[in-house]
Amino acid sequence: MDLFEYMREQKKETESPLASRLRPTTLEEVVGQRHIIGKDKLLYRAIKADKLSSVIFYGPPGTGKTTLAKVIANTTSANFTQINATAAGKKDMEEVVLKAKDGQGMYGRKTILFIDEIHRFNKGQQDYLLPFVEDGTVVLVGATTENPYFEVNGALLSRSIVFELKPLSGEDLKTLLLRAASDEEKGMGLYRAVIEEDALEFLADASNGDARAALNAIELGVLTTDRGADGMIRITLDIASECIQKRVVKYDKSGDNHHDVISAFIKSMRGSDPDAAVYYLARMLYAGEDIRFIARRIMICASEDVGMADPNALNVAVSAALAVERVGMPEARILLSQAAVYVAAAPKSNASYLAINQALDVVKDTRTEPVPPHLQGTGYSAAEKLGRGVGYRYAHDYPMHYVKQQYLPDGLVGRTFYEPTENGYERQVQAYLKKIKEQEDVT
């Protein structure tokens, strides 16, 4: 390292962005991701024991992929080399491999190669790495915001363990923000800044699980806000809103406003008003509501309020919920909008919802009726001797695949729970049930 490079590294420690300066150097300093770096987890044990095998960190921006790589660099006794796939080429990798071979042959030291944005490498570049990962010349640590199962060479994946990082929780982000404001060595502690509680809540929500976005916002706030009469820099809600370039929306996730908005969203879908449904969806998304929570409400509405009037509504809602888990924001807004509009515009029936509630009331309030003998199970040798299953008529042996026989217990014969409406597909259901019940009994 020459003098200029040394000076550049020294300046980095004091002049680099807060998110970089505050980056943890040990596992104990890392906030969040306990599902992979909790003390009983494989990754924690491997890093602590310096026995890391090739891994790929996959997750949204600002969740700690590079942070974990830096922790590994500070923990391992191996040589640690970092390249970025957006700028590195084959020549860079050849140099890394050559040095790794020298380190392994001359000193018996492993080389850990951290490749940021590994999905940016083309197939040829990824293929070049494969034999050196396979023979242990380098231990690969890859980081990507894209799904590695789609973007990374299958052979490379098979030799690596994929760890998925999740967006940081609101509590995790608040911990980081408070640490940033108080840390006098690496943070903004010397500025004597105070984050007001509502500003802290807002930044934690508005950052959408992205630690870098949260830390950039608080750094900007501290550096651009004048001191008050008491000599303190106070980060208010208005300042926080300006720093993250997001307008404050009145939406308390634990208060009445949260319940009012989600209630209006559901009632708008139930009331067949797609415009209102999309509006309330937008309010929730803008305020940082959990997209999984929204998806669950759409699924419930699709079954409770649309039901058999359009059975496909539930398919759309479930597909959107699964896709939301995989895609994440901001694209998840499109999936949720499609599902909400579909459910709102679909014909409505709560007949199946009423049916199960009535059936549950009967089960709760009446004695348990025995299953009719001809419907009882016959999966054992003595069943027929006990009269179980005797007399059962197999529906597919009859015209229209239907035959009249008793299905409800004796005490409930004639009881109706499901009463289809004339809305949408349920009109066909109603007509079909009426038609088969009008058939003459076949003996």
Protein backbone atom coordinates (compact mmCIF):
# COMPACT_ATOMS: atom_id res chain seq x y z
CA MET A 1 0.00 0.00 0.00
CA ASP A 2 1.57 3.36 -1.05
CA LEU A 3 1.22 6.66 0.83
CA PHE A 4 -1.66 7.91 -1.31
CA GLU A 5 -3.63 4.72 -0.89
CA TYR A 6 -2.98 4.86 2.87
CA MET A 7 -4.29 8.43 3.04
CA ARG A 8 -7.32 7.46 0.98
CA GLU A 9 -8.14 4.65 3.41
CA GLN A 10 -7.72 6.98 6.39
CA LYS A 11 -10.10 9.52 4.88
CA LYS A 12 -12.66 6.80 4.22
CA GLU A 13 -12.98 6.18 7.94
CA THR A 14 -13.97 9.78 8.63
CA GLU A 15 -15.47 11.07 5.39
CA SER A 16 -17.37 8.08 3.98
CA PRO A 17 -21.19 8.01 4.31
CA LEU A 18 -22.61 7.18 7.73
CA ALA A 19 -23.94 3.82 6.50
CA SER A 20 -20.40 2.81 5.60
CA ARG A 21 -18.74 4.18 8.77
CA LEU A 22 -21.28 2.52 11.03
CA ARG A 23 -20.93 -0.88 9.37
CA PRO A 24 -20.38 -3.57 12.06
CA THR A 25 -17.08 -5.38 12.35
CA THR A 26 -18.28 -8.25 14.56
CA LEU A 27 -21.31 -10.52 14.50
CA GLU A 28 -22.45 -9.14 17.86
CA GLU A 29 -22.79 -5.66 16.35
CA VAL A 30 -25.00 -6.81 13.48
CA VAL A 31 -28.64 -5.75 13.84
CA GLY A 32 -31.33 -8.04 12.44
CA GLN A 33 -31.10 -11.27 10.41
CA ARG A 34 -31.28 -13.40 13.55
CA HIS A 35 -32.80 -16.19 11.44
CA ILE A 36 -29.36 -16.79 9.90
CA ILE A 37 -26.88 -15.31 12.40
CA GLY A 38 -28.50 -16.18 15.70
CA LYS A 39 -26.04 -17.87 18.06
CA ASP A 40 -27.47 -21.32 17.34
CA LYS A 41 -27.46 -20.87 13.54
CA LEU A 42 -25.12 -22.45 10.99
CA LEU A 43 -23.76 -19.19 9.57
CA TYR A 44 -22.93 -17.79 13.02
CA ARG A 45 -21.08 -20.96 13.98
CA ALA A 46 -19.21 -21.13 10.67
CA ILE A 47 -18.02 -17.51 10.86
CA LYS A 48 -17.03 -17.82 14.52
CA ALA A 49 -15.10 -21.04 13.85
CA ASP A 50 -13.54 -19.57 10.68
CA LYS A 51 -14.81 -22.61 8.77
CA LEU A 52 -16.86 -20.84 6.15
CA SER A 53 -17.70 -22.64 2.91
CA SER A 54 -18.92 -20.87 -0.22
CA VAL A 55 -22.08 -18.86 0.40
CA ILE A 56 -24.38 -16.49 -1.45
CA PHE A 57 -26.23 -13.73 0.40
CA TYR A 58 -29.51 -12.86 -1.28
CA GLY A 59 -31.81 -10.04 -0.25
CA PRO A 60 -33.08 -6.50 -0.89
CA PRO A 61 -30.78 -3.48 -0.72
CA GLY A 62 -29.76 -2.33 2.74
CA THR A 63 -30.31 -5.62 4.54
CA GLY A 64 -26.70 -6.37 5.41
CA LYS A 65 -25.18 -8.47 2.62
CA THR A 66 -22.00 -6.40 2.38
CA THR A 67 -22.01 -5.99 6.16
CA LEU A 68 -21.83 -9.74 6.66
CA ALA A 69 -19.01 -9.94 4.13
CA LYS A 70 -17.09 -7.27 6.09
CA VAL A 71 -17.69 -9.16 9.33
CA ILE A 72 -16.25 -12.27 7.69
CA ALA A 73 -13.25 -10.22 6.54
CA ASN A 74 -12.62 -9.01 10.09
CA THR A 75 -13.11 -12.47 11.60
CA THR A 76 -11.29 -14.83 9.27
CA SER A 77 -7.62 -15.69 9.24
CA ALA A 78 -7.88 -16.27 5.48
CA ASN A 79 -6.90 -13.70 2.86
CA PHE A 80 -9.96 -11.61 1.97
CA THR A 81 -10.44 -10.09 -1.47
CA GLN A 82 -13.38 -8.03 -2.69
CA ILE A 83 -14.49 -7.24 -6.24
CA ASN A 84 -17.68 -5.78 -7.67
CA ALA A 85 -19.22 -7.60 -10.61
CA THR A 86 -20.38 -4.33 -12.18
CA ALA A 87 -16.78 -3.28 -12.78
CA ALA A 88 -14.64 -6.43 -12.61
CA GLY A 89 -13.69 -8.50 -15.63
CA LYS A 90 -12.01 -11.81 -16.29
CA LYS A 91 -8.55 -10.26 -15.84
CA ASP A 92 -9.44 -9.19 -12.30
CA MET A 93 -10.57 -12.71 -11.47
CA GLU A 94 -7.42 -14.20 -12.96
CA GLU A 95 -5.33 -11.99 -10.65
CA VAL A 96 -7.40 -13.03 -7.63
CA VAL A 97 -7.04 -16.73 -8.50
CA LEU A 98 -3.26 -16.36 -9.05
CA LYS A 99 -2.79 -14.70 -5.66
CA ALA A 100 -5.06 -17.30 -4.05
CA LYS A 101 -2.93 -20.11 -5.44
CA ASP A 102 0.24 -18.40 -4.19
CA GLY A 103 -1.25 -17.88 -0.74
CA GLN A 104 -2.40 -21.46 -0.58
CA GLY A 105 0.85 -22.93 -1.86
CA MET A 106 3.34 -20.72 -0.01
CA TYR A 107 1.58 -20.03 3.28
CA GLY A 108 -1.25 -22.56 3.43
CA ARG A 109 -3.81 -19.73 3.71
CA LYS A 110 -7.24 -19.82 2.16
CA THR A 111 -8.62 -16.92 0.14
CA ILE A 112 -12.16 -15.67 0.59
CA LEU A 113 -13.41 -13.88 -2.51
CA PHE A 114 -16.34 -11.53 -1.96
CA ILE A 115 -18.18 -10.69 -5.19
CA ASP A 116 -20.76 -7.94 -4.79
CA GLU A 117 -23.64 -7.94 -7.30
CA ILE A 118 -22.61 -11.42 -8.46
CA HIS A 119 -25.70 -11.69 -10.66
CA ARG A 120 -24.06 -9.09 -12.96
CA PHE A 121 -21.43 -11.64 -14.01
CA ASN A 122 -22.33 -13.31 -17.29
CA LYS A 123 -22.36 -17.09 -17.70
CA GLY A 124 -18.77 -17.19 -18.96
CA GLN A 125 -17.46 -15.23 -15.99
CA GLN A 126 -19.35 -17.45 -13.56
CA ASP A 127 -18.12 -20.57 -15.34
CA TYR A 128 -14.52 -19.35 -14.99
CA LEU A 129 -14.88 -19.31 -11.19
CA LEU A 130 -16.40 -22.77 -10.94
CA PRO A 131 -13.26 -25.00 -10.88
CA PHE A 132 -11.52 -22.75 -8.36
CA VAL A 133 -14.53 -22.79 -6.04
CA GLU A 134 -14.79 -26.53 -6.47
CA ASP A 135 -11.14 -27.28 -5.62
CA GLY A 136 -11.06 -24.81 -2.72
CA THR A 137 -8.66 -22.31 -4.29
CA VAL A 138 -11.18 -19.63 -3.31
CA VAL A 139 -14.10 -19.62 -0.91
CA LEU A 140 -16.83 -17.67 -2.66
CA VAL A 141 -18.97 -15.13 -0.82
CA GLY A 142 -21.48 -13.71 -3.28
CA ALA A 143 -24.03 -10.95 -2.71
CA THR A 144 -27.05 -10.31 -4.90
CA THR A 145 -30.35 -8.47 -4.84
CA GLU A 146 -31.71 -10.82 -7.51
CA ASN A 147 -32.99 -14.34 -6.96
CA PRO A 148 -29.83 -16.45 -7.29
CA TYR A 149 -31.82 -19.47 -8.46
CA PHE A 150 -32.58 -17.49 -11.61
CA GLU A 151 -29.43 -15.41 -11.99
CA VAL A 152 -26.51 -17.56 -10.80
CA ASN A 153 -25.00 -20.54 -12.59
CA GLY A 154 -26.63 -23.74 -11.31
CA ALA A 155 -23.28 -25.49 -10.92
CA LEU A 156 -21.97 -22.58 -8.83
CA LEU A 157 -25.15 -22.62 -6.74
CA SER A 158 -24.81 -26.34 -6.05
CA ARG A 159 -21.43 -25.66 -4.46
CA SER A 160 -22.70 -22.82 -2.30
CA ILE A 161 -25.19 -22.31 0.51
CA VAL A 162 -27.77 -19.61 -0.17
CA PHE A 163 -28.75 -17.42 2.78
CA GLU A 164 -31.73 -15.15 2.26
CA LEU A 165 -31.64 -11.83 4.12
CA LYS A 166 -34.94 -10.22 5.05
CA PRO A 167 -35.85 -6.51 5.17
CA LEU A 168 -35.03 -5.17 8.63
CA SER A 169 -37.92 -4.81 11.04
CA GLY A 170 -39.01 -1.42 12.35
CA GLU A 171 -37.46 -2.20 15.73
CA ASP A 172 -34.15 -3.14 14.08
CA LEU A 173 -34.11 0.13 12.15
CA LYS A 174 -34.89 2.16 15.26
CA THR A 175 -31.97 0.48 17.02
CA LEU A 176 -29.66 1.44 14.13
CA LEU A 177 -30.93 5.03 14.00
CA LEU A 178 -30.44 5.55 17.72
CA ARG A 179 -26.98 4.00 17.49
CA ALA A 180 -26.14 6.33 14.60
CA ALA A 181 -27.24 9.39 16.54
CA SER A 182 -25.37 8.49 19.72
CA ASP A 183 -22.13 6.82 18.52
CA GLU A 184 -19.39 9.44 18.99
CA GLU A 185 -16.67 7.41 17.28
CA LYS A 186 -18.30 6.21 14.05
CA GLY A 187 -21.71 7.88 14.13
CA MET A 188 -23.13 11.36 14.65
CA GLY A 189 -22.78 11.46 18.45
CA LEU A 190 -20.49 14.51 18.50
CA TYR A 191 -23.20 16.57 16.80
CA ARG A 192 -25.46 16.25 19.90
CA ALA A 193 -28.50 15.23 17.88
CA VAL A 194 -31.83 14.04 19.23
CA ILE A 195 -34.39 12.12 17.17
CA GLU A 196 -37.94 12.80 18.30
CA GLU A 197 -40.06 9.69 18.84
CA ASP A 198 -42.52 10.30 15.98
CA ALA A 199 -39.60 11.04 13.61
CA LEU A 200 -37.91 7.81 14.70
CA GLU A 201 -41.09 5.83 14.05
CA PHE A 202 -41.56 7.49 10.68
CA LEU A 203 -38.01 6.85 9.47
CA ALA A 204 -38.17 3.23 10.59
CA ASP A 205 -41.42 2.73 8.67
CA ALA A 206 -40.57 4.82 5.60
CA SER A 207 -37.23 3.06 5.06
CA ASN A 208 -39.06 -0.18 4.19
CA GLY A 209 -36.49 -2.42 5.84
CA ASP A 210 -33.51 -0.70 4.13
CA ALA A 211 -30.87 0.21 6.73
CA ARG A 212 -28.85 2.27 4.24
CA ALA A 213 -31.85 4.45 3.39
CA ALA A 214 -32.57 5.04 7.08
CA LEU A 215 -28.97 5.94 7.92
CA ASN A 216 -28.60 8.21 4.88
CA ALA A 217 -31.74 10.06 5.96
CA ILE A 218 -30.60 10.61 9.55
CA GLU A 219 -27.15 11.71 8.38
CA LEU A 220 -28.67 14.28 6.03
CA GLY A 221 -30.98 15.48 8.78
CA VAL A 222 -28.19 15.98 11.30
CA LEU A 223 -25.86 17.70 8.83
CA THR A 224 -28.47 20.15 7.49
CA THR A 225 -30.43 21.07 10.64
CA ASP A 226 -29.54 24.14 12.72
CA ARG A 227 -29.00 23.82 16.44
CA GLY A 228 -31.70 24.93 18.78
CA ALA A 229 -31.32 27.40 21.66
CA ASP A 230 -30.22 24.53 23.88
CA GLY A 231 -27.39 23.67 21.51
CA MET A 232 -29.05 20.42 20.37
CA ILE A 233 -29.95 19.34 16.84
CA ARG A 234 -33.52 18.06 16.93
CA ILE A 235 -34.73 15.75 14.17
CA THR A 236 -38.48 16.37 14.01
CA LEU A 237 -41.10 14.58 11.95
CA ASP A 238 -41.04 17.34 9.33
CA ILE A 239 -37.26 17.14 9.00
CA ALA A 240 -37.38 13.34 8.77
CA SER A 241 -39.99 13.60 6.02
CA GLU A 242 -37.81 16.00 4.01
CA CYS A 243 -34.68 13.89 4.46
CA ILE A 244 -36.22 10.71 3.13
CA GLN A 245 -38.23 12.60 0.50
CA LYS A 246 -41.48 11.08 1.60
CA ARG A 247 -44.56 12.93 2.77
CA VAL A 248 -45.89 11.99 6.19
CA VAL A 249 -49.14 10.08 5.94
CA LYS A 250 -51.29 9.80 9.03
CA TYR A 251 -51.21 6.06 9.54
CA ASP A 252 -50.48 4.62 12.96
CA LYS A 253 -49.96 0.88 12.55
CA SER A 254 -51.03 0.19 16.10
CA GLY A 255 -53.80 2.76 16.40
CA ASP A 256 -57.27 3.61 15.13
CA ASN A 257 -56.09 5.02 11.82
CA HIS A 258 -54.56 1.68 10.85
CA HIS A 259 -57.80 -0.15 11.61
CA ASP A 260 -59.89 2.51 9.86
CA VAL A 261 -57.91 2.30 6.62
CA ILE A 262 -57.77 -1.49 6.43
CA SER A 263 -61.49 -1.59 7.28
CA ALA A 264 -62.26 0.87 4.48
CA PHE A 265 -60.10 -1.18 2.11
CA ILE A 266 -61.98 -4.40 2.85
CA LYS A 267 -65.40 -2.74 2.74
CA SER A 268 -64.55 -1.11 -0.60
CA MET A 269 -63.70 -4.51 -2.09
CA ARG A 270 -66.83 -6.02 -0.57
CA GLY A 271 -68.86 -3.09 -1.91
CA SER A 272 -67.53 -3.59 -5.46
CA ASP A 273 -65.73 -0.24 -5.65
CA PRO A 274 -62.31 -0.91 -7.21
CA ASP A 275 -61.39 2.81 -7.23
CA ALA A 276 -61.82 3.14 -3.48
CA ALA A 277 -60.05 -0.18 -2.92
CA VAL A 278 -56.99 0.98 -4.89
CA TYR A 279 -56.98 4.34 -3.08
CA TYR A 280 -56.88 2.73 0.38
CA LEU A 281 -54.32 0.23 -0.88
CA ALA A 282 -52.13 3.15 -1.97
CA ARG A 283 -52.46 4.80 1.45
CA MET A 284 -51.31 1.62 3.17
CA LEU A 285 -48.42 1.06 0.79
CA TYR A 286 -47.23 4.64 1.00
CA ALA A 287 -47.26 4.49 4.79
CA GLY A 288 -45.17 1.30 4.75
CA GLU A 289 -47.80 -1.26 5.72
CA ASP A 290 -46.62 -4.88 5.60
CA ILE A 291 -47.45 -6.14 2.11
CA ARG A 292 -48.01 -9.65 3.50
CA PHE A 293 -50.69 -8.29 5.83
CA ILE A 294 -52.46 -6.61 2.89
CA ALA A 295 -52.25 -9.81 0.83
CA ARG A 296 -53.82 -11.82 3.66
CA ARG A 297 -56.77 -9.41 3.85
CA ILE A 298 -57.36 -9.69 0.09
CA MET A 299 -57.34 -13.52 0.33
CA ILE A 300 -59.88 -13.43 3.15
CA CYS A 301 -62.14 -11.05 1.25
CA ALA A 302 -61.88 -13.21 -1.89
CA SER A 303 -63.30 -16.16 0.03
CA GLU A 304 -65.63 -14.46 2.51
CA ASP A 305 -67.23 -11.87 0.23
CA VAL A 306 -66.79 -13.25 -3.31
CA GLY A 307 -66.85 -16.94 -2.55
CA MET A 308 -68.53 -19.18 -5.08
CA ALA A 309 -69.85 -16.24 -7.11
CA ASP A 310 -66.36 -16.25 -8.67
CA PRO A 311 -64.17 -19.08 -7.31
CA ASN A 312 -61.24 -17.74 -9.36
CA ALA A 313 -61.02 -14.69 -7.08
CA LEU A 314 -59.37 -16.81 -4.41
CA ASN A 315 -56.90 -18.17 -6.97
CA VAL A 316 -55.97 -14.62 -7.98
CA ALA A 317 -55.60 -13.52 -4.36
CA VAL A 318 -53.48 -16.51 -3.36
CA SER A 319 -51.27 -16.15 -6.45
CA ALA A 320 -50.75 -12.48 -5.63
CA ALA A 321 -49.86 -13.32 -2.02
CA LEU A 322 -47.26 -15.88 -3.12
CA ALA A 323 -45.84 -13.53 -5.75
CA VAL A 324 -45.63 -10.67 -3.25
CA GLU A 325 -43.43 -12.86 -1.02
CA ARG A 326 -41.05 -13.50 -3.90
CA VAL A 327 -41.03 -10.11 -5.61
CA GLY A 328 -41.23 -7.60 -2.76
CA MET A 329 -41.65 -3.85 -3.10
CA PRO A 330 -41.91 -1.75 -5.17
CA GLU A 331 -43.23 -4.21 -7.79
CA ALA A 332 -45.51 -5.89 -5.22
CA ARG A 333 -47.79 -2.87 -5.46
CA ILE A 334 -48.80 -4.00 -8.97
CA LEU A 335 -49.65 -7.52 -7.83
CA LEU A 336 -51.68 -6.28 -4.87
CA SER A 337 -53.51 -3.78 -7.06
CA GLN A 338 -54.47 -6.46 -9.58
CA ALA A 339 -55.76 -8.75 -6.85
CA ALA A 340 -57.67 -5.96 -5.07
CA VAL A 341 -59.27 -4.78 -8.32
CA TYR A 342 -60.23 -8.34 -9.27
CA VAL A 343 -61.85 -9.00 -5.90
CA ALA A 344 -63.63 -5.63 -5.90
CA ALA A 345 -64.98 -6.10 -9.44
CA ALA A 346 -66.05 -9.72 -8.95
CA PRO A 347 -69.67 -10.72 -8.28
CA LYS A 348 -70.30 -11.25 -4.58
CA SER A 349 -71.68 -14.03 -2.41
CA ASN A 350 -71.10 -14.81 1.24
CA ALA A 351 -73.07 -18.05 1.05
CA SER A 352 -70.10 -20.31 1.78
CA TYR A 353 -69.07 -18.03 4.67
CA LEU A 354 -72.57 -18.24 6.16
CA ALA A 355 -72.64 -22.00 5.56
CA ILE A 356 -69.57 -22.77 7.67
CA ASN A 357 -70.67 -20.41 10.44
CA GLN A 358 -74.08 -22.08 10.66
CA ALA A 359 -72.52 -25.53 10.58
CA LEU A 360 -70.13 -24.57 13.38
CA ASP A 361 -73.05 -23.30 15.46
CA VAL A 362 -74.84 -26.62 15.00
CA VAL A 363 -71.73 -28.58 15.96
CA LYS A 364 -71.23 -26.39 19.03
CA ASP A 365 -74.86 -26.36 20.20
CA THR A 366 -76.07 -29.90 19.48
CA ARG A 367 -74.96 -33.35 20.46
CA THR A 368 -72.54 -35.10 18.13
CA GLU A 369 -74.54 -37.16 15.65
CA PRO A 370 -73.10 -40.49 14.44
CA VAL A 371 -72.02 -40.72 10.81
CA PRO A 372 -74.58 -42.78 8.81
CA PRO A 373 -73.34 -46.41 8.58
CA HIS A 374 -73.15 -46.47 4.77
CA LEU A 375 -70.75 -43.48 4.84
CA GLN A 376 -68.44 -44.92 7.45
CA GLY A 377 -64.89 -46.00 6.60
CA THR A 378 -64.15 -49.47 5.25
CA GLY A 379 -60.36 -49.49 5.37
CA TYR A 380 -60.00 -52.54 7.61
CA SER A 381 -61.02 -56.22 7.46
CA ALA A 382 -63.85 -56.25 10.01
CA ALA A 383 -65.61 -53.18 8.58
CA GLU A 384 -68.21 -55.08 6.56
CA LYS A 385 -69.05 -57.39 9.49
CA LEU A 386 -69.77 -54.27 11.54
CA GLY A 387 -72.04 -52.88 8.83
CA ARG A 388 -69.71 -50.04 7.95
CA GLY A 389 -70.01 -48.83 4.38
CA VAL A 390 -72.76 -51.31 3.58
CA GLY A 391 -75.33 -49.85 1.18
CA TYR A 392 -73.15 -46.95 0.04
CA ARG A 393 -73.86 -45.83 -3.51
CA TYR A 394 -70.85 -44.73 -5.57
CA ALA A 395 -71.97 -41.51 -7.29
CA HIS A 396 -69.94 -42.05 -10.46
CA ASP A 397 -71.91 -45.22 -11.25
CA TYR A 398 -75.08 -43.18 -11.85
CA PRO A 399 -76.36 -40.71 -14.47
CA MET A 400 -74.86 -37.22 -14.06
CA HIS A 401 -72.54 -38.81 -11.48
CA TYR A 402 -75.17 -38.28 -8.83
CA VAL A 403 -77.44 -40.54 -6.80
CA LYS A 404 -79.80 -39.66 -3.98
CA GLN A 405 -78.73 -40.96 -0.60
CA GLN A 406 -78.46 -39.67 2.92
CA TYR A 407 -75.25 -37.82 3.77
CA LEU A 408 -76.16 -35.81 6.87
CA PRO A 409 -76.56 -37.62 10.20
CA ASP A 410 -80.10 -38.76 11.08
CA GLY A 411 -80.78 -35.84 13.39
CA LEU A 412 -79.88 -33.28 10.70
CA VAL A 413 -81.62 -34.71 7.63
CA GLY A 414 -83.18 -31.89 5.62
CA ARG A 415 -80.99 -29.20 7.21
CA THR A 416 -79.57 -26.66 4.74
CA PHE A 417 -76.37 -24.78 5.37
CA TYR A 418 -75.22 -23.65 1.93
CA GLU A 419 -77.76 -21.58 0.00
CA PRO A 420 -76.24 -20.38 -3.28
CA THR A 421 -77.24 -16.99 -4.59
CA GLU A 422 -77.94 -16.04 -8.20
CA ASN A 423 -74.74 -14.00 -8.49
CA GLY A 424 -72.03 -14.90 -10.96
CA TYR A 425 -70.93 -18.53 -11.12
CA GLU A 426 -73.09 -19.33 -8.10
CA ARG A 427 -76.15 -19.10 -10.33
CA GLN A 428 -74.80 -22.15 -12.19
CA VAL A 429 -74.16 -23.90 -8.90
CA GLN A 430 -77.72 -23.17 -7.81
CA ALA A 431 -79.14 -24.49 -11.08
CA TYR A 432 -76.99 -27.64 -10.95
CA LEU A 433 -77.95 -28.50 -7.36
CA LYS A 434 -81.62 -27.93 -8.16
CA LYS A 435 -81.41 -30.13 -11.25
CA ILE A 436 -79.79 -33.12 -9.60
CA LYS A 437 -82.09 -32.97 -6.62
CA GLU A 438 -85.08 -33.14 -8.94
CA GLN A 439 -83.88 -36.43 -10.42
CA GLU A 440 -85.95 -39.50 -9.77
CA ASP A 441 -84.55 -41.84 -7.20
CA VAL A 442 -82.54 -44.67 -8.80
CA THR A 443 -82.69 -47.95 -6.92
